[in-house]
């Protein structure tokens, strides 16, 4: 089954939650496609600056940051599309996504929905 995940937040806890869900769906044998829009494009470009918190410290210690989860999911087949319009709104270029190396394409919601087809859609 195809699973489409729409991510709109740059909050590291919300991204961790999405990463856990994505990794679980991939482990279950499902194909996962992510569409990052809104402030999530900043996170995928490595441009988020979060204040230190006990949760972030613990996630780093446990090696379950969203970046680690997403990077581990890539070899399992995770595909990530960044929203071209959100990129323009927040001043993120295609080259900016190379910083973390997670984004496969910059395109539109239409393209994302076409690829997911009749699959399930989840939002974070």
C-alpha atoms as a PDB file:
ATOM      1  CA  UNK A   1       0.000   0.000   0.000  1.00  0.00           C
ATOM      2  CA  UNK A   2       1.153   3.549  -0.682  1.00  0.00           C
ATOM      3  CA  UNK A   3       1.152   5.938   2.240  1.00  0.00           C
ATOM      4  CA  UNK A   4       1.419   9.685   1.745  1.00  0.00           C
ATOM      5  CA  UNK A   5       2.614  11.766   4.673  1.00  0.00           C
ATOM      6  CA  UNK A   6       2.130  15.533   4.629  1.00  0.00           C
ATOM      7  CA  UNK A   7       4.407  17.394   7.031  1.00  0.00           C
ATOM      8  CA  UNK A   8       3.838  21.080   7.749  1.00  0.00           C
ATOM      9  CA  UNK A   9       5.835  21.734  10.915  1.00  0.00           C
ATOM     10  CA  UNK A  10       9.481  22.371  11.691  1.00  0.00           C
ATOM     11  CA  UNK A  11       8.939  21.438  15.349  1.00  0.00           C
ATOM     12  CA  UNK A  12      11.500  18.710  16.166  1.00  0.00           C
ATOM     13  CA  UNK A  13       9.070  16.722  18.327  1.00  0.00           C
ATOM     14  CA  UNK A  14       6.393  16.761  15.608  1.00  0.00           C
ATOM     15  CA  UNK A  15       9.044  15.733  13.053  1.00  0.00           C
ATOM     16  CA  UNK A  16      10.158  12.913  15.376  1.00  0.00           C
ATOM     17  CA  UNK A  17       6.537  11.716  15.560  1.00  0.00           C
ATOM     18  CA  UNK A  18       6.310  11.768  11.767  1.00  0.00           C
ATOM     19  CA  UNK A  19       9.657   9.962  11.478  1.00  0.00           C
ATOM     20  CA  UNK A  20       8.518   7.207  13.815  1.00  0.00           C
ATOM     21  CA  UNK A  21       5.320   6.737  11.837  1.00  0.00           C
ATOM     22  CA  UNK A  22       7.195   6.731   8.514  1.00  0.00           C
ATOM     23  CA  UNK A  23       9.739   4.167   9.710  1.00  0.00           C
ATOM     24  CA  UNK A  24       6.962   1.930  11.049  1.00  0.00           C
ATOM     25  CA  UNK A  25       5.019   2.038   7.769  1.00  0.00           C
ATOM     26  CA  UNK A  26       8.183   1.198   5.830  1.00  0.00           C
ATOM     27  CA  UNK A  27       8.946  -1.682   8.211  1.00  0.00           C
ATOM     28  CA  UNK A  28       5.415  -2.971   7.558  1.00  0.00           C
ATOM     29  CA  UNK A  29       6.288  -3.153   3.857  1.00  0.00           C
ATOM     30  CA  UNK A  30       4.394  -0.078   2.739  1.00  0.00           C
ATOM     31  CA  UNK A  31       5.692   2.494   0.266  1.00  0.00           C
ATOM     32  CA  UNK A  32       5.974   5.941   1.880  1.00  0.00           C
ATOM     33  CA  UNK A  33       6.051   9.290   0.131  1.00  0.00           C
ATOM     34  CA  UNK A  34       6.435  12.515   2.138  1.00  0.00           C
ATOM     35  CA  UNK A  35       5.318  15.962   1.053  1.00  0.00           C
ATOM     36  CA  UNK A  36       6.940  18.720   3.115  1.00  0.00           C
ATOM     37  CA  UNK A  37       5.232  22.093   2.998  1.00  0.00           C
ATOM     38  CA  UNK A  38       4.913  25.159   5.199  1.00  0.00           C
ATOM     39  CA  UNK A  39       7.687  25.591   7.743  1.00  0.00           C
ATOM     40  CA  UNK A  40       8.754  21.952   7.290  1.00  0.00           C
ATOM     41  CA  UNK A  41      10.760  23.063   4.257  1.00  0.00           C
ATOM     42  CA  UNK A  42      13.002  25.038   6.622  1.00  0.00           C
ATOM     43  CA  UNK A  43      13.757  21.914   8.652  1.00  0.00           C
ATOM     44  CA  UNK A  44      14.557  19.850   5.550  1.00  0.00           C
ATOM     45  CA  UNK A  45      16.913  22.592   4.383  1.00  0.00           C
ATOM     46  CA  UNK A  46      18.708  22.512   7.738  1.00  0.00           C
ATOM     47  CA  UNK A  47      17.585  26.056   8.527  1.00  0.00           C
ATOM     48  CA  UNK A  48      15.612  25.491  11.725  1.00  0.00           C
ATOM     49  CA  UNK A  49      17.126  26.726  14.937  1.00  0.00           C
ATOM     50  CA  UNK A  50      15.490  25.153  17.966  1.00  0.00           C
ATOM     51  CA  UNK A  51      16.214  26.175  21.542  1.00  0.00           C
ATOM     52  CA  UNK A  52      17.754  23.432  23.632  1.00  0.00           C
ATOM     53  CA  UNK A  53      15.206  21.455  25.611  1.00  0.00           C
ATOM     54  CA  UNK A  54      15.259  18.330  27.759  1.00  0.00           C
ATOM     55  CA  UNK A  55      13.328  16.494  25.017  1.00  0.00           C
ATOM     56  CA  UNK A  56      15.869  17.364  22.322  1.00  0.00           C
ATOM     57  CA  UNK A  57      18.725  16.323  24.583  1.00  0.00           C
ATOM     58  CA  UNK A  58      17.082  12.958  25.265  1.00  0.00           C
ATOM     59  CA  UNK A  59      16.283  12.399  21.575  1.00  0.00           C
ATOM     60  CA  UNK A  60      19.964  12.991  20.750  1.00  0.00           C
ATOM     61  CA  UNK A  61      21.094  10.615  23.497  1.00  0.00           C
ATOM     62  CA  UNK A  62      18.705   7.919  22.239  1.00  0.00           C
ATOM     63  CA  UNK A  63      19.644   8.598  18.592  1.00  0.00           C
ATOM     64  CA  UNK A  64      16.011   9.186  17.651  1.00  0.00           C
ATOM     65  CA  UNK A  65      16.152  12.719  16.313  1.00  0.00           C
ATOM     66  CA  UNK A  66      13.957  13.327  13.310  1.00  0.00           C
ATOM     67  CA  UNK A  67      17.067  13.680  11.120  1.00  0.00           C
ATOM     68  CA  UNK A  68      18.329  10.247  12.208  1.00  0.00           C
ATOM     69  CA  UNK A  69      14.919   8.648  11.676  1.00  0.00           C
ATOM     70  CA  UNK A  70      14.485  10.153   8.208  1.00  0.00           C
ATOM     71  CA  UNK A  71      18.063   9.260   7.191  1.00  0.00           C
ATOM     72  CA  UNK A  72      17.550   5.658   8.342  1.00  0.00           C
ATOM     73  CA  UNK A  73      14.276   5.475   6.377  1.00  0.00           C
ATOM     74  CA  UNK A  74      15.837   6.629   3.082  1.00  0.00           C
ATOM     75  CA  UNK A  75      17.490   3.257   2.286  1.00  0.00           C
ATOM     76  CA  UNK A  76      14.151   1.591   3.082  1.00  0.00           C
ATOM     77  CA  UNK A  77      12.570   3.491   0.182  1.00  0.00           C
ATOM     78  CA  UNK A  78      11.395   6.764   1.706  1.00  0.00           C
ATOM     79  CA  UNK A  79      10.872   9.465  -0.911  1.00  0.00           C
ATOM     80  CA  UNK A  80      10.571  13.126   0.108  1.00  0.00           C
ATOM     81  CA  UNK A  81       9.126  15.907  -2.033  1.00  0.00           C
ATOM     82  CA  UNK A  82       9.535  19.513  -0.864  1.00  0.00           C
ATOM     83  CA  UNK A  83       6.829  21.990  -1.822  1.00  0.00           C
ATOM     84  CA  UNK A  84       8.121  24.379  -4.456  1.00  0.00           C
ATOM     85  CA  UNK A  85       5.745  27.174  -3.410  1.00  0.00           C
ATOM     86  CA  UNK A  86       6.586  26.898   0.302  1.00  0.00           C
ATOM     87  CA  UNK A  87      10.236  26.984  -0.686  1.00  0.00           C
ATOM     88  CA  UNK A  88       9.679  30.291  -2.443  1.00  0.00           C
ATOM     89  CA  UNK A  89       7.691  31.671   0.494  1.00  0.00           C
ATOM     90  CA  UNK A  90      10.453  30.834   2.987  1.00  0.00           C
ATOM     91  CA  UNK A  91      13.378  31.557   0.670  1.00  0.00           C
ATOM     92  CA  UNK A  92      14.570  27.951   0.364  1.00  0.00           C
ATOM     93  CA  UNK A  93      16.224  27.001  -2.916  1.00  0.00           C
ATOM     94  CA  UNK A  94      16.664  23.508  -4.325  1.00  0.00           C
ATOM     95  CA  UNK A  95      20.364  23.721  -3.463  1.00  0.00           C
ATOM     96  CA  UNK A  96      19.508  24.422   0.203  1.00  0.00           C
ATOM     97  CA  UNK A  97      18.041  20.923   0.541  1.00  0.00           C
ATOM     98  CA  UNK A  98      21.445  19.406  -0.201  1.00  0.00           C
ATOM     99  CA  UNK A  99      22.589  20.355   3.332  1.00  0.00           C
ATOM    100  CA  UNK A 100      20.784  17.350   4.849  1.00  0.00           C
ATOM    101  CA  UNK A 101      20.443  15.306   1.672  1.00  0.00           C
ATOM    102  CA  UNK A 102      16.934  14.091   2.452  1.00  0.00           C
ATOM    103  CA  UNK A 103      14.847  15.746  -0.272  1.00  0.00           C
ATOM    104  CA  UNK A 104      14.455  13.808  -3.531  1.00  0.00           C
ATOM    105  CA  UNK A 105      12.467  16.379  -5.490  1.00  0.00           C
ATOM    106  CA  UNK A 106      10.965  19.841  -5.328  1.00  0.00           C
ATOM    107  CA  UNK A 107       7.486  19.840  -6.794  1.00  0.00           C
ATOM    108  CA  UNK A 108       3.787  20.407  -6.115  1.00  0.00           C
ATOM    109  CA  UNK A 109       1.029  18.926  -4.002  1.00  0.00           C
ATOM    110  CA  UNK A 110      -0.565  17.807  -7.262  1.00  0.00           C
ATOM    111  CA  UNK A 111       2.482  15.689  -8.117  1.00  0.00           C
ATOM    112  CA  UNK A 112       2.511  14.230  -4.611  1.00  0.00           C
ATOM    113  CA  UNK A 113      -1.176  13.279  -4.738  1.00  0.00           C
ATOM    114  CA  UNK A 114      -0.771  11.755  -8.191  1.00  0.00           C
ATOM    115  CA  UNK A 115       2.069   9.562  -6.903  1.00  0.00           C
ATOM    116  CA  UNK A 116       0.137   8.469  -3.803  1.00  0.00           C
ATOM    117  CA  UNK A 117      -2.928   7.696  -5.921  1.00  0.00           C
ATOM    118  CA  UNK A 118      -5.556   5.811  -3.933  1.00  0.00           C
ATOM    119  CA  UNK A 119      -3.217   5.273  -0.988  1.00  0.00           C
ATOM    120  CA  UNK A 120      -3.691   6.523   2.536  1.00  0.00           C
ATOM    121  CA  UNK A 121      -2.836  10.146   3.452  1.00  0.00           C
ATOM    122  CA  UNK A 122      -1.643  11.139   6.944  1.00  0.00           C
ATOM    123  CA  UNK A 123      -0.748  14.651   8.128  1.00  0.00           C
ATOM    124  CA  UNK A 124       1.683  15.876  10.768  1.00  0.00           C
END
